[in-house]
Amino acid sequence: MPKRGKKYQEAAKLIDADALYEASEAIELVKKAATAKFDETVEVAIRLGVDPRKQDQNVRGVVVLPNGTGKTKRVLVFAKGEKAKEAEQAGADYVGDQDLINKIQQGWFEFDVCVATPDMMSEVGKLGRLLGGKGLMPNPKAGTVTFDVANAVKEIKAGKIEYRLDKAGQIHAPIGKVSFEAEKLQENFKALIEAIVRAKPAAAKGVYLKNIAISSTMGPAVRVNAQAYR
């Protein structure tokens, strides 16, 4: 285990590592324990009772956080003609087709999310290794392959996030910044948990929400009573 700094150790004293807190209490503790000089991201880690090796137990989806994430995402849209105009009017940061594909092939990645119309995917698919390795490949399940590009851009700008199960059977997702009011973080937390509960695979057996913890970027984790959400 790496040795923790003094600030971390002092912050950890505020938290009972063996206790299970209600979400509202956990969020208040996370805010108090955040000591970094920058506005830390508040993150949720959830361990699910599913087998990540089995396709029918995969958990993946999207949710629009009611109060956003505190970060403005740069959205790139692959589209042509009228759909390109719709994306521009909706506030997309970059819109194009082959020109953007060429830039990315040359190593340009000044964006956070990719959206593409279905008719562009045959060309965008050529970027599979480049975009896929960075988690940027448009995907229908994430709502980023669609003809409704205007709505996709607006949702992303408003705070839409994607969550997915990792190889360890966990989901990690941001729910805002330490500077957010506690009530807004609670609303975002609730929206995320409800979305994950709705996404429960039919093949999942036993306890679905095993463990939940909330932490800031540099702060200690606070365990949440998952029983209330089962």
Protein backbone atom coordinates (compact mmCIF):
# COMPACT_ATOMS: atom_id res chain seq x y z
CA MET A 1 0.00 0.00 0.00
CA PRO A 2 1.39 3.45 -0.91
CA LYS A 3 1.94 5.84 1.98
CA ARG A 4 -0.75 8.52 2.13
CA GLY A 5 -0.01 12.22 2.61
CA LYS A 6 -0.81 14.16 5.78
CA LYS A 7 -3.88 15.84 4.28
CA TYR A 8 -5.33 12.49 3.23
CA GLN A 9 -4.66 10.99 6.66
CA GLU A 10 -6.35 13.93 8.40
CA ALA A 11 -9.35 13.70 6.05
CA ALA A 12 -9.63 9.96 6.65
CA LYS A 13 -10.10 10.61 10.39
CA LEU A 14 -13.48 12.17 9.57
CA ILE A 15 -14.75 8.85 8.25
CA ASP A 16 -15.48 5.56 9.96
CA ALA A 17 -14.07 3.08 7.45
CA ASP A 18 -16.30 0.28 8.80
CA ALA A 19 -19.55 2.27 8.76
CA LEU A 20 -22.23 2.34 6.08
CA TYR A 21 -23.58 5.85 5.62
CA GLU A 22 -26.74 7.11 4.02
CA ALA A 23 -26.02 8.84 0.71
CA SER A 24 -26.70 12.32 2.09
CA GLU A 25 -24.24 11.77 4.98
CA ALA A 26 -21.64 10.24 2.66
CA ILE A 27 -21.77 13.22 0.31
CA GLU A 28 -21.38 15.70 3.17
CA LEU A 29 -18.34 13.75 4.41
CA VAL A 30 -16.81 13.63 0.93
CA LYS A 31 -17.16 17.41 0.65
CA LYS A 32 -15.54 17.94 4.07
CA ALA A 33 -12.72 15.52 3.30
CA ALA A 34 -11.79 17.17 -0.03
CA THR A 35 -8.63 19.19 0.62
CA ALA A 36 -7.09 19.63 -2.83
CA LYS A 37 -6.52 23.13 -4.18
CA PHE A 38 -8.59 22.35 -7.31
CA ASP A 39 -12.29 21.57 -7.65
CA GLU A 40 -12.22 17.81 -7.24
CA THR A 41 -14.60 15.51 -9.08
CA VAL A 42 -17.00 13.50 -6.93
CA GLU A 43 -17.02 9.89 -8.10
CA VAL A 44 -19.14 6.84 -7.35
CA ALA A 45 -17.79 3.28 -7.37
CA ILE A 46 -20.33 0.45 -7.46
CA ARG A 47 -19.58 -3.26 -7.21
CA LEU A 48 -22.29 -5.35 -8.87
CA GLY A 49 -23.25 -8.96 -8.28
CA VAL A 50 -22.82 -9.96 -11.91
CA ASP A 51 -20.22 -11.91 -13.85
CA PRO A 52 -18.45 -9.45 -16.20
CA ARG A 53 -17.14 -12.38 -18.28
CA LYS A 54 -20.67 -13.26 -19.42
CA GLN A 55 -22.21 -11.22 -22.22
CA ASP A 56 -25.74 -11.62 -20.88
CA GLN A 57 -24.67 -10.02 -17.59
CA ASN A 58 -23.01 -6.97 -19.10
CA VAL A 59 -24.21 -3.64 -17.65
CA ARG A 60 -23.85 -0.56 -19.80
CA GLY A 61 -25.96 2.50 -20.41
CA VAL A 62 -26.30 6.26 -20.25
CA VAL A 63 -27.95 8.70 -17.88
CA VAL A 64 -28.44 12.46 -17.98
CA LEU A 65 -27.41 13.83 -14.59
CA PRO A 66 -30.01 16.48 -13.63
CA ASN A 67 -27.33 18.90 -12.45
CA GLY A 68 -24.60 18.08 -14.96
CA THR A 69 -21.06 16.96 -14.21
CA GLY A 70 -19.41 20.34 -13.76
CA LYS A 71 -17.35 19.74 -16.87
CA THR A 72 -18.18 21.02 -20.34
CA LYS A 73 -17.52 18.25 -22.83
CA ARG A 74 -16.15 18.93 -26.30
CA VAL A 75 -18.43 17.12 -28.74
CA LEU A 76 -17.38 16.00 -32.20
CA VAL A 77 -20.07 14.97 -34.70
CA PHE A 78 -19.52 12.97 -37.88
CA ALA A 79 -22.34 14.03 -40.19
CA LYS A 80 -23.12 15.44 -43.63
CA GLY A 81 -25.60 17.89 -45.13
CA GLU A 82 -28.62 18.84 -43.03
CA LYS A 83 -27.53 16.64 -40.13
CA ALA A 84 -24.23 18.53 -39.99
CA LYS A 85 -26.14 21.82 -39.82
CA GLU A 86 -28.36 20.44 -37.03
CA ALA A 87 -25.29 19.42 -35.03
CA GLU A 88 -23.73 22.87 -35.42
CA GLN A 89 -26.93 24.60 -34.34
CA ALA A 90 -27.17 22.32 -31.28
CA GLY A 91 -23.73 23.44 -30.11
CA ALA A 92 -21.36 20.71 -31.32
CA ASP A 93 -17.73 21.82 -31.09
CA TYR A 94 -16.58 20.05 -34.24
CA VAL A 95 -18.68 18.85 -37.18
CA GLY A 96 -17.48 17.19 -40.36
CA ASP A 97 -16.94 13.94 -42.19
CA GLN A 98 -13.83 12.87 -44.10
CA ASP A 99 -11.94 15.99 -43.02
CA LEU A 100 -12.27 15.04 -39.34
CA ILE A 101 -11.48 11.41 -40.06
CA ASN A 102 -8.22 12.52 -41.70
CA LYS A 103 -7.32 14.74 -38.74
CA ILE A 104 -7.86 11.91 -36.25
CA GLN A 105 -5.76 9.54 -38.36
CA GLN A 106 -2.97 12.11 -38.05
CA GLY A 107 -3.20 12.02 -34.24
CA TRP A 108 -5.67 14.80 -33.37
CA PHE A 109 -7.87 14.11 -30.32
CA GLU A 110 -9.04 17.51 -29.03
CA PHE A 111 -12.53 16.27 -28.09
CA ASP A 112 -14.25 14.28 -25.35
CA VAL A 113 -17.24 12.58 -27.05
CA CYS A 114 -17.94 11.40 -30.59
CA VAL A 115 -21.40 11.28 -32.17
CA ALA A 116 -22.07 9.89 -35.65
CA THR A 117 -25.04 9.44 -37.93
CA PRO A 118 -25.58 5.78 -38.94
CA ASP A 119 -24.70 6.49 -42.58
CA MET A 120 -21.24 7.70 -41.47
CA MET A 121 -20.33 4.59 -39.51
CA SER A 122 -18.84 2.71 -42.46
CA GLU A 123 -16.19 5.43 -42.65
CA VAL A 124 -15.91 6.09 -38.92
CA GLY A 125 -15.40 2.34 -38.42
CA LYS A 126 -11.97 2.76 -40.00
CA LEU A 127 -11.00 4.68 -36.86
CA GLY A 128 -11.93 1.73 -34.65
CA ARG A 129 -8.46 1.11 -33.23
CA LEU A 130 -7.77 4.81 -32.67
CA LEU A 131 -11.12 5.77 -31.13
CA GLY A 132 -11.82 2.45 -29.43
CA GLY A 133 -8.57 2.52 -27.50
CA LYS A 134 -9.55 5.85 -25.98
CA GLY A 135 -13.18 4.92 -25.32
CA LEU A 136 -14.37 7.41 -27.96
CA MET A 137 -15.95 5.13 -30.55
CA PRO A 138 -19.61 6.05 -31.25
CA ASN A 139 -21.96 3.34 -30.03
CA PRO A 140 -25.75 2.88 -30.46
CA LYS A 141 -26.08 1.68 -26.83
CA ALA A 142 -24.58 4.95 -25.66
CA GLY A 143 -26.88 6.96 -27.91
CA THR A 144 -23.94 8.28 -29.91
CA VAL A 145 -24.90 6.62 -33.21
CA THR A 146 -28.10 8.39 -34.18
CA PHE A 147 -29.76 10.57 -36.78
CA ASP A 148 -31.07 12.76 -33.96
CA VAL A 149 -27.70 14.47 -33.62
CA ALA A 150 -29.17 17.68 -32.22
CA ASN A 151 -30.70 15.92 -29.21
CA ALA A 152 -27.55 13.83 -28.69
CA VAL A 153 -25.37 16.95 -28.56
CA LYS A 154 -27.75 18.78 -26.21
CA GLU A 155 -27.92 15.83 -23.79
CA ILE A 156 -24.14 15.45 -23.70
CA LYS A 157 -23.69 19.17 -23.06
CA ALA A 158 -26.37 19.00 -20.33
CA GLY A 159 -24.56 16.27 -18.38
CA LYS A 160 -25.16 12.94 -20.07
CA ILE A 161 -22.65 10.30 -18.98
CA GLU A 162 -22.03 6.72 -19.99
CA TYR A 163 -21.51 3.99 -17.40
CA ARG A 164 -20.18 0.51 -18.06
CA LEU A 165 -19.10 -2.55 -16.13
CA ASP A 166 -15.35 -3.11 -15.99
CA LYS A 167 -13.50 -6.43 -15.85
CA ALA A 168 -13.55 -6.36 -12.04
CA GLY A 169 -17.35 -6.15 -11.93
CA GLN A 170 -17.40 -2.49 -10.97
CA ILE A 171 -18.82 0.73 -12.38
CA HIS A 172 -17.07 4.06 -11.83
CA ALA A 173 -18.87 7.28 -12.71
CA PRO A 174 -18.66 11.01 -11.89
CA ILE A 175 -21.63 12.77 -10.30
CA GLY A 176 -20.32 16.33 -10.16
CA LYS A 177 -17.77 18.52 -8.41
CA VAL A 178 -16.98 19.13 -4.74
CA SER A 179 -18.15 22.73 -5.25
CA PHE A 180 -21.69 21.50 -6.03
CA GLU A 181 -24.33 21.93 -3.36
CA ALA A 182 -24.88 18.68 -1.46
CA GLU A 183 -28.49 18.50 -2.68
CA LYS A 184 -27.38 18.62 -6.32
CA LEU A 185 -24.86 15.84 -5.77
CA GLN A 186 -27.57 13.77 -4.08
CA GLU A 187 -29.90 14.26 -7.06
CA ASN A 188 -27.16 13.20 -9.47
CA PHE A 189 -26.28 10.19 -7.29
CA LYS A 190 -29.92 9.10 -7.19
CA ALA A 191 -30.27 9.42 -10.99
CA LEU A 192 -27.16 7.28 -11.54
CA ILE A 193 -28.19 4.54 -9.09
CA GLU A 194 -31.73 4.37 -10.49
CA ALA A 195 -30.37 4.03 -14.03
CA ILE A 196 -28.05 1.19 -13.00
CA VAL A 197 -30.86 -0.59 -11.15
CA ARG A 198 -33.06 -0.35 -14.27
CA ALA A 199 -30.20 -1.82 -16.31
CA LYS A 200 -30.04 -4.99 -14.18
CA PRO A 201 -29.59 -7.98 -16.53
CA ALA A 202 -32.26 -10.68 -16.41
CA ALA A 203 -29.47 -13.24 -15.97
CA ALA A 204 -28.17 -11.59 -12.79
CA LYS A 205 -28.86 -13.65 -9.67
CA GLY A 206 -28.51 -12.84 -5.97
CA VAL A 207 -27.59 -9.39 -4.63
CA TYR A 208 -27.21 -6.94 -7.51
CA LEU A 209 -25.90 -3.82 -5.74
CA LYS A 210 -23.16 -5.26 -3.54
CA ASN A 211 -21.13 -2.21 -2.50
CA ILE A 212 -21.34 1.53 -3.15
CA ALA A 213 -18.71 4.11 -2.26
CA ILE A 214 -18.38 7.83 -2.93
CA SER A 215 -15.11 9.76 -3.00
CA SER A 216 -13.49 12.90 -4.35
CA THR A 217 -10.53 12.77 -6.73
CA MET A 218 -7.92 13.02 -3.97
CA GLY A 219 -10.00 12.12 -0.92
CA PRO A 220 -10.84 8.93 0.98
CA ALA A 221 -13.84 6.82 0.01
CA VAL A 222 -17.04 6.79 2.05
CA ARG A 223 -19.10 3.59 1.99
CA VAL A 224 -22.83 3.97 1.31
CA ASN A 225 -25.60 1.76 2.64
CA ALA A 226 -26.57 -0.09 -0.55
CA GLN A 227 -29.52 -1.82 1.12
CA ALA A 228 -31.72 1.24 0.56
CA TYR A 229 -31.38 0.86 -3.22
CA ARG A 230 -31.87 -2.91 -3.54
